[in-house]
Amino acid sequence: MADAEIKVTNFIRNIIDADLAAGRHAIVRTRFPPEPNGYLHFGHAKSICLNFGLARDYSGACHLRFDDTNPEKEEQEYVDSIIDAVHWLGWDWNDKLFYASNYFQSMYDFAEKLIEAGHAYVDSQSAEEMRASRGTLTEAGKPSPYRDRTPAENLELFRRMKSGAFPDGTHVLRAKIDMASGNINLRDPAIYRIRHAEHHNTGNQWCLYPMYTYAHPIEDALENITHSICTLEFEDQRPFYDWLLQRLAELGCVSTPLPQQIEFARLNLTYVVLSKRKLIQLVDEKHVNGWDDPRLPTLVGARRRGYTPAGFRKFAEMIGVTKSDSLIDYSIFEECQRDVLNETAPRRIAVLDPLKLVIDNYPAGQEEECLAPNHPQQPELGKRAVPFSRELWIEREDFMEVPPKGYFRLFPGNKVRLRYGFVVVCTGCDKDDAGNIVAVHCNYFADSQSGTPGADTYKVKGNIHWLSAQHAHPAEVRLYDRLFKVPNPGAERDLLEDINPDSVKTITAQLEPALRDVAPEEHFQFERHGYFVADRVESKAGCPVFNRTVTLKDAWK
C-alpha cells in the first residue's frame, strides 16, 4: 500500500504478540470471510482493514474467502463486487483466494467421521418441532426422539441425504453435544441441511449443504488461520467453534494449533443503517437509486460518492477495535475523508448558483488569463490559467442589494477582489419584471490584478470566486448529504420517516474549462464548496457529472 499507517496497540494485537512470543505460531494468518449474498458496507470496511492490516503489520497473510454455503441467496454478482471492493480499499490477497464450496467434500467427510464417533446424528423432526424442543434461556431443551439412532443408522441416512433421496426439510444432521447447556448454541445445533438448489460455484453437484457455523471453523482450520477475528454477535458461537475443532482434531481431521476465534465490537455510526435487511428495504422500495446510490453506506455507493480508500483506512485506524459497543459520530468519518482529500485533491473553481457579473469598464471582446494554484499547500504542482473576460459568473449569495452588517461581498458601492484577479467596485444591478436580480454591474481597477505592482493599494475585506461566462461550461452537480436526518435512524419511529428529504439536490453549475475533460473518479476541491468527484457511472467524455463527496467543514454541527 502506498500510504503507511501507524501500528496502534489494541487487545487483538496483544493476543497476537503473546501467541508469537510463546511460540504458538510462527506466522500470522487472518482472513476476511464474506458471504456472497449482498454488497459490502462500511462495517465490512472496518473488518477488511483490520484483518488485512494485521497481516501486513505482522508480515503474515490475509485470505479472502467466500463463505458460500447458502446457494439460495448467493450470486456471482456479489462475488465480483466483493473482490472489486476489497481491491479498491487497497488490499491484496495474492494467491490466497478461497471458497467454502471448495471444501464441501472435506466437510462432508468430516461429518461422516463425527457420525461414526457418535458426535452427530440425523434428526427427522420438522423445523417447528426442533424449535419447540430447543428450550429457552431459562429452560433446558428436550432431546430429539431420533437422538439415539446408532452411528450405522445415521451414516446410512446421511449418505442417502447426500444422494438426493429426500426432499428439502426432511432431515438435518445435528451435532450431538448437550441439550441442557446454558448456551443454546450447544443444544445439538444443525450442521447440515438438504437444499435442492444450484450453487454459483459447484452447480448441481450437491443437494446437501453445510451450515455456516459448521463450515466456518473447518475452513479456518484447513487454511491454517491463526486468529479468526469476527464481530461480537459470534461470541456465543465460540464454544461450538472450539467444540467442533477439538472433536475434529481428536479424529485426525485437522491439525493443531487450532485457530483462535476473537471477537470485537462491530461498527456503529450515527446517521447510518448497516442492517442488511434495512438496506435491502431502502433499495427494493426505491428510496434510493440502487446499491451504488452515493447516499448508501455500501462500498459501491461510497466509491461513487467519492469517498477514498485512504480515508477508510485512516478512519479504521483512528477508531481502533474494542470489545465494547459504541456509537461513532459520522462526522469523524467525514473528517478522515477531508484530511485525505485536502492533501490529494487539486483545486478548481465552480459556481454552483450562477449570477451574471458585468464589468462595464472592461473592454468588450478583450480576454486575458489569471493564474490560480493547483494546490495552495503544494506549490510544486504549479498553476493553471483561468480565462478572464467582461462578463463573469459569480455565486448568487455573493451579491446583496441591501446587505446585513458584517457582509463584505458585493453590494452597491462596495469593493471586493475577484480571487486571482482584479478588484472591482459594485455599481448596481439589473432586475426582471418580477423584481429578481438577473445581473450585477461593476467597474474594475486595471492596476489591481492580484500579484501585480499596485494591487496592494486596494484594501478590501471581500474575496469572491468567479468564472468567465464565455469560457465556463455547464455541468450537472449533485449535492449529496446524509440519507437520514437523525443520529439513530428508526430508533423512535419508522425508519422511512427519518429519511432526510434534502439528502440530494441536483443543480446545473458553471465549471472552469479545466474541468470539462476530467476522467471518471477524479477528485477536486471546488473552492469554497467542498470536495467533489466525477461520477464513475454517468460521466461521459467532455461531459462530466460531479458528486459532492463532503463539504469543507461539518455542516451538521
Protein backbone atom coordinates (compact mmCIF):
# COMPACT_ATOMS: atom_id res chain seq x y z
CA MET A 1 0.00 0.00 0.00
CA ALA A 2 1.17 3.50 -0.83
CA ASP A 3 0.33 5.13 2.49
CA ALA A 4 1.82 3.92 5.75
CA GLU A 5 -0.41 3.57 8.79
CA ILE A 6 0.78 3.71 12.38
CA LYS A 7 0.61 0.43 14.28
CA VAL A 8 -1.68 1.05 17.24
CA THR A 9 -1.79 -1.39 20.15
CA ASN A 10 -5.14 -2.99 20.95
CA PHE A 11 -6.37 -6.14 22.66
CA ILE A 12 -6.18 -8.19 19.45
CA ARG A 13 -2.58 -7.21 18.85
CA ASN A 14 -1.79 -8.04 22.47
CA ILE A 15 -3.17 -11.56 21.93
CA ILE A 16 -1.16 -11.99 18.73
CA ASP A 17 2.00 -10.66 20.38
CA ALA A 18 1.59 -13.13 23.24
CA ASP A 19 0.99 -16.06 20.84
CA LEU A 20 4.09 -15.21 18.83
CA ALA A 21 6.20 -14.76 21.96
CA ALA A 22 5.05 -18.14 23.29
CA GLY A 23 5.91 -19.84 20.01
CA ARG A 24 2.31 -20.87 19.39
CA HIS A 25 2.54 -19.57 15.82
CA ALA A 26 5.43 -18.75 13.53
CA ILE A 27 3.34 -16.71 11.10
CA VAL A 28 0.09 -14.78 11.49
CA ARG A 29 -2.76 -15.76 9.17
CA THR A 30 -6.07 -13.88 9.22
CA ARG A 31 -9.00 -13.95 6.83
CA PHE A 32 -11.85 -11.81 5.57
CA PRO A 33 -14.74 -14.24 5.00
CA PRO A 34 -17.81 -12.52 3.47
CA GLU A 35 -20.92 -14.39 2.43
CA PRO A 36 -21.56 -13.55 -1.26
CA ASN A 37 -25.20 -12.66 -0.70
CA GLY A 38 -25.05 -8.86 -0.88
CA TYR A 39 -22.90 -5.77 -1.25
CA LEU A 40 -20.28 -4.84 1.33
CA HIS A 41 -20.86 -1.83 3.60
CA PHE A 42 -18.87 0.42 5.94
CA GLY A 43 -18.85 -2.23 8.68
CA HIS A 44 -17.16 -4.66 6.31
CA ALA A 45 -14.57 -1.99 5.52
CA LYS A 46 -13.58 -1.93 9.20
CA SER A 47 -13.16 -5.71 9.21
CA ILE A 48 -11.24 -5.67 5.92
CA CYS A 49 -8.81 -3.04 7.19
CA LEU A 50 -8.42 -4.88 10.50
CA ASN A 51 -7.70 -8.32 9.04
CA PHE A 52 -5.54 -7.23 6.14
CA GLY A 53 -3.83 -4.62 8.30
CA LEU A 54 -2.85 -7.19 10.93
CA ALA A 55 -1.44 -9.48 8.24
CA ARG A 56 0.55 -6.58 6.81
CA ASP A 57 1.92 -5.43 10.16
CA TYR A 58 2.99 -8.92 11.19
CA SER A 59 4.36 -9.83 7.75
CA GLY A 60 1.77 -12.58 7.56
CA ALA A 61 -1.06 -13.39 5.18
CA CYS A 62 -4.74 -12.50 4.97
CA HIS A 63 -7.03 -14.76 2.98
CA LEU A 64 -10.06 -13.57 1.05
CA ARG A 65 -12.58 -16.37 1.45
CA PHE A 66 -16.17 -16.59 0.32
CA ASP A 67 -18.38 -18.41 2.82
CA ASP A 68 -20.71 -19.61 0.09
CA THR A 69 -22.75 -22.24 1.96
CA ASN A 70 -26.23 -20.93 1.10
CA PRO A 71 -26.92 -21.41 -2.64
CA GLU A 72 -30.38 -19.87 -2.47
CA LYS A 73 -29.09 -16.40 -1.62
CA GLU A 74 -25.65 -16.26 -3.25
CA GLU A 75 -24.74 -14.98 -6.69
CA GLN A 76 -21.62 -14.49 -8.77
CA GLU A 77 -22.53 -10.79 -8.99
CA TYR A 78 -21.83 -10.45 -5.28
CA VAL A 79 -18.56 -12.38 -5.54
CA ASP A 80 -17.36 -9.99 -8.26
CA SER A 81 -18.46 -6.89 -6.32
CA ILE A 82 -16.69 -8.06 -3.14
CA ILE A 83 -13.44 -8.75 -4.97
CA ASP A 84 -13.64 -5.31 -6.57
CA ALA A 85 -14.41 -3.60 -3.23
CA VAL A 86 -11.51 -5.20 -1.34
CA HIS A 87 -9.11 -4.30 -4.13
CA TRP A 88 -10.50 -0.75 -4.21
CA LEU A 89 -9.83 -0.37 -0.49
CA GLY A 90 -6.17 -1.02 -1.26
CA TRP A 91 -5.68 -4.62 -0.17
CA ASP A 92 -4.43 -7.69 -1.97
CA TRP A 93 -4.62 -11.37 -1.03
CA ASN A 94 -2.08 -12.54 -3.64
CA ASP A 95 -2.89 -16.22 -4.27
CA LYS A 96 -4.95 -16.63 -1.08
CA LEU A 97 -8.45 -16.59 -2.60
CA PHE A 98 -10.68 -19.39 -1.31
CA TYR A 99 -14.29 -20.56 -1.31
CA ALA A 100 -16.11 -22.59 1.33
CA SER A 101 -17.53 -24.59 -1.57
CA ASN A 102 -14.00 -25.78 -2.41
CA TYR A 103 -14.07 -27.68 0.90
CA PHE A 104 -17.52 -29.27 0.55
CA GLN A 105 -16.09 -32.77 0.11
CA SER A 106 -13.81 -32.42 3.13
CA MET A 107 -16.67 -31.05 5.21
CA TYR A 108 -18.83 -33.98 4.20
CA ASP A 109 -16.07 -36.47 5.02
CA PHE A 110 -15.57 -34.85 8.42
CA ALA A 111 -19.31 -35.10 9.09
CA GLU A 112 -19.19 -38.85 8.45
CA LYS A 113 -16.35 -39.17 10.94
CA LEU A 114 -18.35 -37.22 13.52
CA ILE A 115 -21.27 -39.59 12.95
CA GLU A 116 -19.07 -42.67 13.30
CA ALA A 117 -17.63 -41.29 16.54
CA GLY A 118 -21.09 -40.60 17.97
CA HIS A 119 -20.75 -36.82 17.78
CA ALA A 120 -23.53 -36.24 15.23
CA TYR A 121 -26.90 -37.73 14.31
CA VAL A 122 -29.62 -37.36 11.71
CA ASP A 123 -32.75 -35.72 13.08
CA SER A 124 -36.03 -36.26 11.25
CA GLN A 125 -38.10 -33.74 13.18
CA SER A 126 -39.68 -30.81 11.38
CA ALA A 127 -38.20 -27.36 11.80
CA GLU A 128 -41.14 -26.43 14.04
CA GLU A 129 -40.61 -29.46 16.25
CA MET A 130 -36.92 -28.72 16.57
CA ARG A 131 -37.66 -25.12 17.56
CA ALA A 132 -40.19 -26.21 20.17
CA SER A 133 -37.78 -28.68 21.75
CA ARG A 134 -34.81 -26.33 21.82
CA GLY A 135 -35.79 -24.76 25.14
CA THR A 136 -35.27 -21.20 26.33
CA LEU A 137 -32.61 -19.22 28.14
CA THR A 138 -34.03 -20.46 31.44
CA GLU A 139 -35.37 -23.88 30.41
CA ALA A 140 -33.32 -26.79 29.09
CA GLY A 141 -34.05 -28.26 25.70
CA LYS A 142 -35.58 -31.69 25.12
CA PRO A 143 -33.66 -34.43 23.31
CA SER A 144 -34.89 -35.37 19.86
CA PRO A 145 -36.63 -38.77 19.65
CA TYR A 146 -34.04 -39.57 16.95
CA ARG A 147 -31.01 -38.63 19.08
CA ASP A 148 -30.19 -42.23 19.96
CA ARG A 149 -30.02 -43.58 16.44
CA THR A 150 -26.97 -45.76 16.04
CA PRO A 151 -23.95 -44.46 14.10
CA ALA A 152 -24.72 -47.02 11.39
CA GLU A 153 -28.31 -45.76 11.03
CA ASN A 154 -27.16 -42.16 10.97
CA LEU A 155 -24.48 -42.86 8.41
CA GLU A 156 -26.90 -44.61 6.07
CA LEU A 157 -29.42 -41.77 6.33
CA PHE A 158 -26.75 -39.13 5.84
CA ARG A 159 -25.46 -40.80 2.72
CA ARG A 160 -28.99 -41.01 1.34
CA MET A 161 -29.42 -37.30 2.12
CA LYS A 162 -26.33 -36.66 0.01
CA SER A 163 -27.64 -38.84 -2.82
CA GLY A 164 -30.79 -36.74 -3.17
CA ALA A 165 -33.16 -39.34 -1.83
CA PHE A 166 -35.10 -36.88 0.34
CA PRO A 167 -36.86 -33.56 -0.26
CA ASP A 168 -35.82 -30.35 1.47
CA GLY A 169 -36.56 -30.22 5.18
CA THR A 170 -36.97 -33.97 5.65
CA HIS A 171 -33.81 -34.46 7.70
CA VAL A 172 -30.94 -32.46 9.15
CA LEU A 173 -27.64 -33.53 10.62
CA ARG A 174 -27.11 -32.25 14.15
CA ALA A 175 -24.05 -32.15 16.35
CA LYS A 176 -24.58 -34.24 19.48
CA ILE A 177 -23.50 -32.03 22.37
CA ASP A 178 -25.77 -31.12 25.32
CA MET A 179 -29.48 -30.26 25.16
CA ALA A 180 -29.29 -28.90 28.72
CA SER A 181 -26.43 -26.50 28.02
CA GLY A 182 -26.82 -22.95 29.25
CA ASN A 183 -25.60 -21.85 25.80
CA ILE A 184 -28.42 -22.54 23.36
CA ASN A 185 -25.87 -22.77 20.55
CA LEU A 186 -24.59 -26.01 22.11
CA ARG A 187 -28.00 -27.67 22.18
CA ASP A 188 -27.31 -30.01 19.31
CA PRO A 189 -27.01 -27.38 16.56
CA ALA A 190 -27.85 -28.33 12.97
CA ILE A 191 -24.71 -28.72 10.83
CA TYR A 192 -26.15 -29.98 7.51
CA ARG A 193 -29.45 -29.45 5.72
CA ILE A 194 -30.93 -30.62 2.42
CA ARG A 195 -31.22 -27.93 -0.28
CA HIS A 196 -32.03 -28.89 -3.85
CA ALA A 197 -30.63 -25.65 -5.24
CA GLU A 198 -28.00 -24.79 -7.83
CA HIS A 199 -24.81 -23.33 -6.39
CA HIS A 200 -22.98 -20.49 -8.13
CA ASN A 201 -19.67 -22.36 -7.84
CA THR A 202 -20.50 -26.09 -7.72
CA GLY A 203 -23.63 -26.11 -9.86
CA ASN A 204 -25.88 -29.10 -9.08
CA GLN A 205 -23.12 -31.27 -7.66
CA TRP A 206 -24.58 -31.06 -4.15
CA CYS A 207 -28.05 -31.11 -2.64
CA LEU A 208 -26.66 -31.27 0.89
CA TYR A 209 -25.11 -28.09 2.24
CA PRO A 210 -23.22 -27.35 5.49
CA MET A 211 -24.47 -24.73 7.90
CA TYR A 212 -22.30 -21.63 8.18
CA THR A 213 -21.45 -22.31 11.83
CA TYR A 214 -20.13 -25.77 10.87
CA ALA A 215 -18.33 -24.71 7.71
CA HIS A 216 -16.58 -21.63 9.01
CA PRO A 217 -14.33 -23.19 11.68
CA ILE A 218 -13.39 -26.01 9.30
CA GLU A 219 -12.37 -23.51 6.65
CA ASP A 220 -10.24 -21.68 9.22
CA ALA A 221 -8.55 -24.91 10.26
CA LEU A 222 -7.90 -26.17 6.71
CA GLU A 223 -6.35 -22.83 5.79
CA ASN A 224 -4.23 -22.75 8.97
CA ILE A 225 -5.78 -19.48 10.08
CA THR A 226 -4.18 -18.45 13.36
CA HIS A 227 -6.58 -15.73 14.51
CA SER A 228 -10.20 -15.86 13.34
CA ILE A 229 -11.43 -12.34 14.02
CA CYS A 230 -15.16 -11.64 13.95
CA THR A 231 -17.74 -9.32 15.47
CA LEU A 232 -19.32 -9.70 18.90
CA GLU A 233 -22.54 -11.35 17.70
CA PHE A 234 -20.46 -14.51 17.15
CA GLU A 235 -19.23 -14.61 20.74
CA ASP A 236 -21.94 -17.07 21.77
CA GLN A 237 -20.93 -19.28 18.84
CA ARG A 238 -17.32 -19.55 20.00
CA PRO A 239 -17.98 -22.57 22.30
CA PHE A 240 -19.32 -24.53 19.31
CA TYR A 241 -16.43 -23.30 17.15
CA ASP A 242 -13.99 -24.69 19.74
CA TRP A 243 -16.01 -27.88 20.37
CA LEU A 244 -16.12 -28.76 16.69
CA LEU A 245 -12.43 -28.17 16.03
CA GLN A 246 -11.42 -30.09 19.16
CA ARG A 247 -13.51 -33.10 18.05
CA LEU A 248 -12.11 -32.95 14.52
CA ALA A 249 -8.56 -32.66 15.83
CA GLU A 250 -9.12 -35.75 18.00
CA LEU A 251 -10.34 -37.58 14.91
CA GLY A 252 -7.28 -36.55 12.92
CA CYS A 253 -9.23 -34.36 10.50
CA VAL A 254 -7.47 -31.07 11.27
CA SER A 255 -4.04 -30.24 12.63
CA THR A 256 -3.01 -28.18 15.63
CA PRO A 257 -2.56 -25.49 16.77
CA LEU A 258 -6.20 -24.76 16.16
CA PRO A 259 -7.45 -21.33 15.07
CA GLN A 260 -8.48 -18.96 17.83
CA GLN A 261 -11.72 -17.03 17.44
CA ILE A 262 -11.51 -13.43 18.74
CA GLU A 263 -14.48 -11.06 18.79
CA PHE A 264 -14.52 -7.28 18.52
CA ALA A 265 -17.28 -4.67 18.53
CA ARG A 266 -18.87 -4.05 15.15
CA LEU A 267 -19.01 -0.59 13.62
CA ASN A 268 -21.95 1.59 14.66
CA LEU A 269 -22.24 5.01 13.02
CA THR A 270 -24.66 7.86 13.58
CA TYR A 271 -26.96 8.80 10.68
CA VAL A 272 -26.37 5.38 9.09
CA VAL A 273 -28.05 1.96 8.99
CA LEU A 274 -25.86 -1.08 8.37
CA SER A 275 -28.54 -3.73 8.78
CA LYS A 276 -28.71 -5.82 5.61
CA ARG A 277 -32.47 -6.10 5.98
CA LYS A 278 -32.91 -2.34 6.19
CA LEU A 279 -30.54 -1.69 3.29
CA ILE A 280 -32.49 -4.16 1.15
CA GLN A 281 -35.70 -2.35 2.08
CA LEU A 282 -34.26 1.01 1.02
CA VAL A 283 -33.17 -0.42 -2.32
CA ASP A 284 -36.18 -2.62 -3.08
CA GLU A 285 -38.69 0.11 -2.21
CA LYS A 286 -36.66 2.59 -4.29
CA HIS A 287 -35.99 5.10 -1.53
CA VAL A 288 -32.50 5.17 -3.07
CA ASN A 289 -31.31 4.61 -6.62
CA GLY A 290 -29.79 1.14 -6.32
CA TRP A 291 -26.97 -0.38 -4.31
CA ASP A 292 -24.44 2.15 -5.60
CA ASP A 293 -26.50 5.19 -4.62
CA PRO A 294 -23.93 7.62 -3.16
CA ARG A 295 -26.11 8.11 -0.08
CA LEU A 296 -25.96 4.43 0.91
CA PRO A 297 -23.24 3.13 3.27
CA THR A 298 -22.31 0.42 0.77
CA LEU A 299 -18.76 0.41 -0.54
CA VAL A 300 -20.01 0.70 -4.13
CA GLY A 301 -22.02 3.73 -3.02
CA ALA A 302 -19.07 5.17 -1.12
CA ARG A 303 -16.83 4.83 -4.14
CA ARG A 304 -19.36 6.60 -6.34
CA ARG A 305 -19.78 9.30 -3.69
CA GLY A 306 -16.06 9.95 -3.91
CA TYR A 307 -15.00 8.64 -0.51
CA THR A 308 -11.41 7.46 -0.71
CA PRO A 309 -9.81 4.14 0.28
CA ALA A 310 -7.16 6.07 2.21
CA GLY A 311 -9.94 7.83 4.12
CA PHE A 312 -11.48 4.48 5.08
CA ARG A 313 -8.12 3.15 6.25
CA LYS A 314 -7.45 6.31 8.25
CA PHE A 315 -10.89 6.03 9.85
CA ALA A 316 -10.41 2.35 10.75
CA GLU A 317 -7.06 3.14 12.34
CA MET A 318 -8.49 6.12 14.25
CA ILE A 319 -11.47 4.32 15.82
CA GLY A 320 -9.49 1.16 16.58
CA VAL A 321 -11.02 -2.07 17.91
CA THR A 322 -12.58 -2.75 21.30
CA LYS A 323 -14.78 -5.34 22.98
CA SER A 324 -17.49 -2.83 23.89
CA ASP A 325 -20.13 -1.45 21.54
CA SER A 326 -20.04 2.29 20.93
CA LEU A 327 -21.67 4.74 18.55
CA ILE A 328 -19.20 6.63 16.37
CA ASP A 329 -20.22 10.06 15.12
CA TYR A 330 -20.38 10.17 11.35
CA SER A 331 -18.51 13.47 11.39
CA ILE A 332 -15.35 11.57 12.41
CA PHE A 333 -15.57 9.51 9.24
CA GLU A 334 -16.15 12.65 7.18
CA GLU A 335 -13.18 14.38 8.79
CA CYS A 336 -10.93 11.46 7.84
CA GLN A 337 -12.11 11.82 4.26
CA ARG A 338 -11.48 15.59 4.35
CA ASP A 339 -7.98 15.07 5.67
CA VAL A 340 -7.11 12.79 2.77
CA LEU A 341 -8.82 14.89 0.12
CA ASN A 342 -7.26 18.10 1.41
CA GLU A 343 -3.86 16.59 0.66
CA THR A 344 -4.68 14.94 -2.64
CA ALA A 345 -7.45 16.86 -4.39
CA PRO A 346 -6.41 19.60 -6.89
CA ARG A 347 -8.28 22.92 -6.56
CA ARG A 348 -10.72 24.08 -9.19
CA ILE A 349 -13.41 26.76 -9.48
CA ALA A 350 -17.12 26.04 -9.80
CA VAL A 351 -20.04 28.42 -9.48
CA LEU A 352 -22.97 26.42 -8.14
CA ASP A 353 -25.67 29.12 -8.19
CA PRO A 354 -24.63 31.37 -11.08
CA LEU A 355 -25.39 35.09 -11.28
CA LYS A 356 -24.04 37.24 -14.12
CA LEU A 357 -21.47 39.93 -13.22
CA VAL A 358 -20.81 42.55 -15.91
CA ILE A 359 -17.64 44.65 -15.70
CA ASP A 360 -18.84 47.73 -17.56
CA ASN A 361 -15.44 49.40 -17.96
CA TYR A 362 -13.64 46.26 -19.17
CA PRO A 363 -13.11 46.39 -22.96
CA ALA A 364 -15.68 44.35 -24.87
CA GLY A 365 -14.09 41.39 -26.65
CA GLN A 366 -10.93 41.51 -24.55
CA GLU A 367 -9.66 38.39 -22.79
CA GLU A 368 -6.72 37.63 -20.56
CA GLU A 369 -5.53 34.90 -18.23
CA CYS A 370 -5.28 34.85 -14.47
CA LEU A 371 -3.14 32.25 -12.74
CA ALA A 372 -4.54 30.05 -9.98
CA PRO A 373 -2.57 27.47 -7.95
CA ASN A 374 -3.47 23.83 -8.45
CA HIS A 375 -2.91 23.26 -4.74
CA PRO A 376 -2.03 26.14 -2.38
CA GLN A 377 -0.13 23.85 0.04
CA GLN A 378 1.76 22.11 -2.75
CA PRO A 379 3.39 24.78 -4.91
CA GLU A 380 5.29 22.11 -6.82
CA LEU A 381 2.01 21.27 -8.57
CA GLY A 382 2.20 24.63 -10.32
CA LYS A 383 -0.50 26.97 -11.53
CA ARG A 384 -3.14 26.89 -14.23
CA ALA A 385 -4.55 29.64 -16.43
CA VAL A 386 -8.12 30.75 -15.76
CA PRO A 387 -9.60 32.94 -18.55
CA PHE A 388 -10.98 36.38 -17.66
CA SER A 389 -13.43 38.45 -19.71
CA ARG A 390 -16.00 41.24 -19.43
CA GLU A 391 -18.87 39.00 -18.28
CA LEU A 392 -18.40 36.62 -15.40
CA TRP A 393 -20.37 34.14 -13.32
CA ILE A 394 -20.38 34.66 -9.57
CA GLU A 395 -22.30 32.96 -6.77
CA ARG A 396 -25.73 34.46 -6.22
CA GLU A 397 -25.03 34.65 -2.49
CA ASP A 398 -22.04 36.93 -3.21
CA PHE A 399 -24.30 39.89 -4.00
CA MET A 400 -26.90 41.57 -1.81
CA GLU A 401 -28.65 44.77 -2.71
CA VAL A 402 -29.23 45.61 0.96
CA PRO A 403 -26.62 43.72 2.97
CA PRO A 404 -26.68 42.99 6.70
CA LYS A 405 -23.95 44.25 8.99
CA GLY A 406 -20.72 42.32 8.53
CA TYR A 407 -21.40 41.39 4.91
CA PHE A 408 -18.19 42.05 2.95
CA ARG A 409 -19.04 40.81 -0.51
CA LEU A 410 -20.69 42.69 -3.37
CA PHE A 411 -23.27 45.39 -2.74
CA PRO A 412 -23.68 48.82 -4.32
CA GLY A 413 -20.60 50.91 -3.57
CA ASN A 414 -18.52 48.10 -2.05
CA LYS A 415 -15.21 46.80 -3.35
CA VAL A 416 -14.17 43.14 -3.45
CA ARG A 417 -11.32 41.22 -5.01
CA LEU A 418 -12.11 38.71 -7.71
CA ARG A 419 -9.96 35.84 -6.49
CA TYR A 420 -6.73 35.58 -8.52
CA GLY A 421 -7.88 38.65 -10.48
CA PHE A 422 -8.85 42.30 -10.15
CA VAL A 423 -10.54 44.43 -7.54
CA VAL A 424 -13.98 45.62 -8.60
CA VAL A 425 -16.49 48.07 -7.17
CA CYS A 426 -20.20 47.33 -7.43
CA THR A 427 -22.29 49.95 -9.24
CA GLY A 428 -25.74 48.34 -9.20
CA CYS A 429 -27.82 45.50 -10.57
CA ASP A 430 -30.48 44.60 -13.18
CA LYS A 431 -33.83 43.08 -12.28
CA ASP A 432 -36.54 41.34 -14.26
CA ASP A 433 -40.24 42.30 -14.19
CA ALA A 434 -40.76 40.18 -11.08
CA GLY A 435 -38.01 42.00 -9.20
CA ASN A 436 -35.49 39.17 -9.38
CA ILE A 437 -31.86 40.16 -9.75
CA VAL A 438 -30.56 38.91 -13.11
CA ALA A 439 -27.22 40.70 -13.37
CA VAL A 440 -24.81 42.72 -11.24
CA HIS A 441 -22.73 45.60 -12.60
CA CYS A 442 -19.31 46.79 -11.51
CA ASN A 443 -16.17 48.58 -12.62
CA TYR A 444 -12.69 47.17 -12.28
CA PHE A 445 -9.38 48.76 -11.37
CA ALA A 446 -6.92 47.90 -14.11
CA ASP A 447 -3.89 48.19 -11.80
CA SER A 448 -5.34 45.89 -9.13
CA GLN A 449 -4.70 42.44 -10.58
CA SER A 450 -3.55 40.03 -7.91
CA GLY A 451 0.22 39.73 -7.84
CA THR A 452 0.94 42.89 -9.88
CA PRO A 453 2.52 46.16 -8.68
CA GLY A 454 -0.07 48.45 -7.16
CA ALA A 455 -2.51 45.66 -6.35
CA ASP A 456 -1.95 46.02 -2.61
CA THR A 457 -3.07 49.67 -2.65
CA TYR A 458 -6.68 48.45 -2.85
CA LYS A 459 -7.72 47.34 0.61
CA VAL A 460 -10.79 45.10 0.54
CA LYS A 461 -12.33 42.68 3.00
CA GLY A 462 -14.24 40.55 0.50
CA ASN A 463 -12.75 37.95 -1.84
CA ILE A 464 -15.08 36.03 -4.17
CA HIS A 465 -14.56 33.40 -6.86
CA TRP A 466 -15.75 33.76 -10.43
CA LEU A 467 -15.66 32.26 -13.92
CA SER A 468 -15.62 33.82 -17.36
CA ALA A 469 -19.14 33.36 -18.73
CA GLN A 470 -17.73 32.93 -22.22
CA HIS A 471 -15.37 30.11 -21.25
CA ALA A 472 -17.19 28.30 -18.44
CA HIS A 473 -19.26 25.26 -19.22
CA PRO A 474 -22.44 23.99 -17.53
CA ALA A 475 -22.47 20.62 -15.81
CA GLU A 476 -24.77 18.56 -13.63
CA VAL A 477 -23.69 18.62 -9.99
CA ARG A 478 -25.30 16.57 -7.24
CA LEU A 479 -25.10 17.95 -3.73
CA TYR A 480 -25.28 14.85 -1.54
CA ASP A 481 -25.94 14.98 2.16
CA ARG A 482 -26.73 12.39 4.81
CA LEU A 483 -29.54 9.99 3.95
CA PHE A 484 -31.09 10.26 7.41
CA LYS A 485 -31.87 13.39 9.39
CA VAL A 486 -31.50 11.89 12.89
CA PRO A 487 -28.45 10.26 14.54
CA ASN A 488 -30.17 6.92 15.22
CA PRO A 489 -32.49 6.20 12.28
CA GLY A 490 -35.54 4.08 13.09
CA ALA A 491 -34.96 4.13 16.85
CA GLU A 492 -38.06 6.15 17.77
CA ARG A 493 -40.32 5.71 14.73
CA ASP A 494 -40.48 4.02 11.37
CA LEU A 495 -37.13 4.13 9.60
CA LEU A 496 -38.61 5.70 6.49
CA GLU A 497 -39.89 8.67 8.48
CA ASP A 498 -36.29 9.52 9.35
CA ILE A 499 -35.15 9.84 5.74
CA ASN A 500 -33.69 13.27 5.04
CA PRO A 501 -35.80 14.86 2.25
CA ASP A 502 -32.82 17.04 1.31
CA SER A 503 -30.28 14.22 1.06
CA VAL A 504 -29.60 15.10 -2.59
CA LYS A 505 -30.09 18.22 -4.67
CA THR A 506 -29.29 18.23 -8.39
CA ILE A 507 -28.22 21.53 -9.91
CA THR A 508 -26.64 22.87 -13.08
CA ALA A 509 -23.41 24.62 -12.16
CA GLN A 510 -20.83 26.54 -14.15
CA LEU A 511 -17.35 25.00 -14.15
CA GLU A 512 -13.95 26.26 -15.18
CA PRO A 513 -12.64 24.97 -18.55
CA ALA A 514 -10.10 22.64 -16.91
CA LEU A 515 -12.97 20.51 -15.59
CA ARG A 516 -14.51 19.74 -18.97
CA ASP A 517 -12.36 16.72 -19.85
CA VAL A 518 -11.69 15.08 -16.49
CA ALA A 519 -11.83 11.31 -16.12
CA PRO A 520 -14.44 9.49 -14.01
CA GLU A 521 -13.44 9.24 -10.32
CA GLU A 522 -11.10 12.24 -10.45
CA HIS A 523 -11.35 14.25 -7.24
CA PHE A 524 -11.24 18.04 -6.86
CA GLN A 525 -11.82 20.66 -4.26
CA PHE A 526 -14.29 23.17 -5.62
CA GLU A 527 -13.09 26.28 -3.84
CA ARG A 528 -15.44 27.34 -1.03
CA HIS A 529 -17.83 24.44 -1.74
CA GLY A 530 -16.14 21.21 -0.72
CA TYR A 531 -14.74 18.10 -2.34
CA PHE A 532 -16.28 16.67 -5.48
CA VAL A 533 -15.72 13.66 -7.72
CA ALA A 534 -16.55 12.98 -11.35
CA ASP A 535 -19.29 10.33 -11.22
CA ARG A 536 -17.85 6.95 -12.22
CA VAL A 537 -21.13 5.80 -13.81
CA GLU A 538 -22.67 8.77 -15.58
CA SER A 539 -19.72 10.97 -16.55
CA LYS A 540 -19.02 10.99 -20.29
CA ALA A 541 -16.08 12.31 -22.28
CA GLY A 542 -16.36 16.10 -22.32
CA CYS A 543 -19.50 15.97 -20.17
CA PRO A 544 -18.68 15.15 -16.55
CA VAL A 545 -21.27 14.77 -13.81
CA PHE A 546 -19.99 15.71 -10.35
CA ASN A 547 -20.98 14.40 -6.93
CA ARG A 548 -20.24 16.29 -3.75
CA THR A 549 -18.25 13.95 -1.52
CA VAL A 550 -18.05 16.10 1.59
CA THR A 551 -18.26 19.78 2.47
CA LEU A 552 -15.25 21.79 3.62
CA LYS A 553 -16.49 21.56 7.19
CA ASP A 554 -19.09 19.58 9.06
CA ALA A 555 -22.38 21.25 8.18
CA TRP A 556 -24.26 19.19 10.80
CA LYS A 557 -22.53 20.58 13.87
